[in-house]
Amino acid sequence: MTIPIGVTVNGADHEFAEPLSVREMLARLELPCQGVALAVDGAVFPKSRWDEPVGRGWTVEVLTAVQGG
């Protein structure tokens, strides 16, 4: 029996039945992969690590750049 992977993304709780990469999670949640940065548990999560599996209990923030001044 596989234990679901629970994560919080931008303040919303999500559960995934099977392991998936950070990139796959973004696609499944219909979030952009281009022009965004990720923070996991308050720390920058570099794009070079997006093919790594999502960890149970992570809190993920998807951040987009905003122009203005």
C-alpha atoms as a PDB file:
ATOM      1  CA  MET A   1       0.000   0.000   0.000  1.00  0.00           C
ATOM      2  CA  THR A   2       1.378   3.375  -1.027  1.00  0.00           C
ATOM      3  CA  ILE A   3       0.974   6.312   1.331  1.00  0.00           C
ATOM      4  CA  PRO A   4      -0.226   9.447  -0.503  1.00  0.00           C
ATOM      5  CA  ILE A   5       2.193  12.355  -0.771  1.00  0.00           C
ATOM      6  CA  GLY A   6       0.666  15.442   0.819  1.00  0.00           C
ATOM      7  CA  VAL A   7       2.045  18.877  -0.021  1.00  0.00           C
ATOM      8  CA  THR A   8       0.897  22.477   0.283  1.00  0.00           C
ATOM      9  CA  VAL A   9       1.280  24.587  -2.862  1.00  0.00           C
ATOM     10  CA  ASN A  10       0.585  28.318  -2.671  1.00  0.00           C
ATOM     11  CA  GLY A  11      -1.464  27.772   0.476  1.00  0.00           C
ATOM     12  CA  ALA A  12      -3.636  24.940  -0.920  1.00  0.00           C
ATOM     13  CA  ASP A  13      -3.285  21.324   0.241  1.00  0.00           C
ATOM     14  CA  HIS A  14      -2.814  18.634  -2.421  1.00  0.00           C
ATOM     15  CA  GLU A  15      -2.418  14.855  -2.258  1.00  0.00           C
ATOM     16  CA  PHE A  16      -0.794  12.658  -4.878  1.00  0.00           C
ATOM     17  CA  ALA A  17      -1.274   8.895  -4.953  1.00  0.00           C
ATOM     18  CA  GLU A  18       2.107   8.152  -6.520  1.00  0.00           C
ATOM     19  CA  PRO A  19       5.583   9.685  -6.428  1.00  0.00           C
ATOM     20  CA  LEU A  20       6.180  12.470  -8.927  1.00  0.00           C
ATOM     21  CA  SER A  21       8.835  15.040  -9.695  1.00  0.00           C
ATOM     22  CA  VAL A  22       8.512  18.722  -8.918  1.00  0.00           C
ATOM     23  CA  ARG A  23       8.139  19.407 -12.661  1.00  0.00           C
ATOM     24  CA  GLU A  24       5.352  16.780 -12.932  1.00  0.00           C
ATOM     25  CA  MET A  25       3.595  18.272  -9.908  1.00  0.00           C
ATOM     26  CA  LEU A  26       3.569  21.720 -11.512  1.00  0.00           C
ATOM     27  CA  ALA A  27       2.130  20.266 -14.717  1.00  0.00           C
ATOM     28  CA  ARG A  28      -0.526  18.283 -12.848  1.00  0.00           C
ATOM     29  CA  LEU A  29      -1.576  21.417 -10.944  1.00  0.00           C
ATOM     30  CA  GLU A  30      -1.560  23.397 -14.219  1.00  0.00           C
ATOM     31  CA  LEU A  31       1.079  25.792 -12.907  1.00  0.00           C
ATOM     32  CA  PRO A  32       3.685  27.335 -15.214  1.00  0.00           C
ATOM     33  CA  CYS A  33       7.202  25.923 -15.469  1.00  0.00           C
ATOM     34  CA  GLN A  34       8.579  28.961 -17.293  1.00  0.00           C
ATOM     35  CA  GLY A  35       9.208  32.369 -15.716  1.00  0.00           C
ATOM     36  CA  VAL A  36       8.709  31.150 -12.144  1.00  0.00           C
ATOM     37  CA  ALA A  37      10.852  30.404  -9.123  1.00  0.00           C
ATOM     38  CA  LEU A  38      10.098  27.895  -6.390  1.00  0.00           C
ATOM     39  CA  ALA A  39      10.582  28.031  -2.670  1.00  0.00           C
ATOM     40  CA  VAL A  40      10.288  24.803  -0.676  1.00  0.00           C
ATOM     41  CA  ASP A  41       9.847  25.200   3.064  1.00  0.00           C
ATOM     42  CA  GLY A  42      11.025  28.804   2.760  1.00  0.00           C
ATOM     43  CA  ALA A  43      14.230  28.109   0.812  1.00  0.00           C
ATOM     44  CA  VAL A  44      14.913  28.664  -2.880  1.00  0.00           C
ATOM     45  CA  PHE A  45      14.543  25.415  -4.838  1.00  0.00           C
ATOM     46  CA  PRO A  46      16.673  25.715  -8.004  1.00  0.00           C
ATOM     47  CA  LYS A  47      15.330  24.660 -11.377  1.00  0.00           C
ATOM     48  CA  SER A  48      18.230  22.203 -11.657  1.00  0.00           C
ATOM     49  CA  ARG A  49      16.452  20.117  -8.966  1.00  0.00           C
ATOM     50  CA  TRP A  50      12.945  20.131 -10.489  1.00  0.00           C
ATOM     51  CA  ASP A  51      13.317  16.534 -11.723  1.00  0.00           C
ATOM     52  CA  GLU A  52      13.744  15.322  -8.120  1.00  0.00           C
ATOM     53  CA  PRO A  53      10.769  13.734  -6.341  1.00  0.00           C
ATOM     54  CA  VAL A  54       8.365  15.840  -4.303  1.00  0.00           C
ATOM     55  CA  GLY A  55       8.775  15.268  -0.561  1.00  0.00           C
ATOM     56  CA  ARG A  56       5.948  14.496   1.851  1.00  0.00           C
ATOM     57  CA  GLY A  57       4.812  17.512   3.828  1.00  0.00           C
ATOM     58  CA  TRP A  58       6.575  20.099   1.685  1.00  0.00           C
ATOM     59  CA  THR A  59       5.274  23.645   1.606  1.00  0.00           C
ATOM     60  CA  VAL A  60       5.855  24.977  -1.904  1.00  0.00           C
ATOM     61  CA  GLU A  61       5.471  28.555  -3.094  1.00  0.00           C
ATOM     62  CA  VAL A  62       5.434  29.234  -6.823  1.00  0.00           C
ATOM     63  CA  LEU A  63       6.682  32.767  -7.357  1.00  0.00           C
ATOM     64  CA  THR A  64       6.330  34.835 -10.510  1.00  0.00           C
ATOM     65  CA  ALA A  65       8.242  37.979 -11.362  1.00  0.00           C
ATOM     66  CA  VAL A  66       6.164  41.168 -11.392  1.00  0.00           C
ATOM     67  CA  GLN A  67       7.142  44.238 -13.353  1.00  0.00           C
ATOM     68  CA  GLY A  68       6.553  47.660 -11.970  1.00  0.00           C
ATOM     69  CA  GLY A  69       8.209  50.303  -9.981  1.00  0.00           C
END
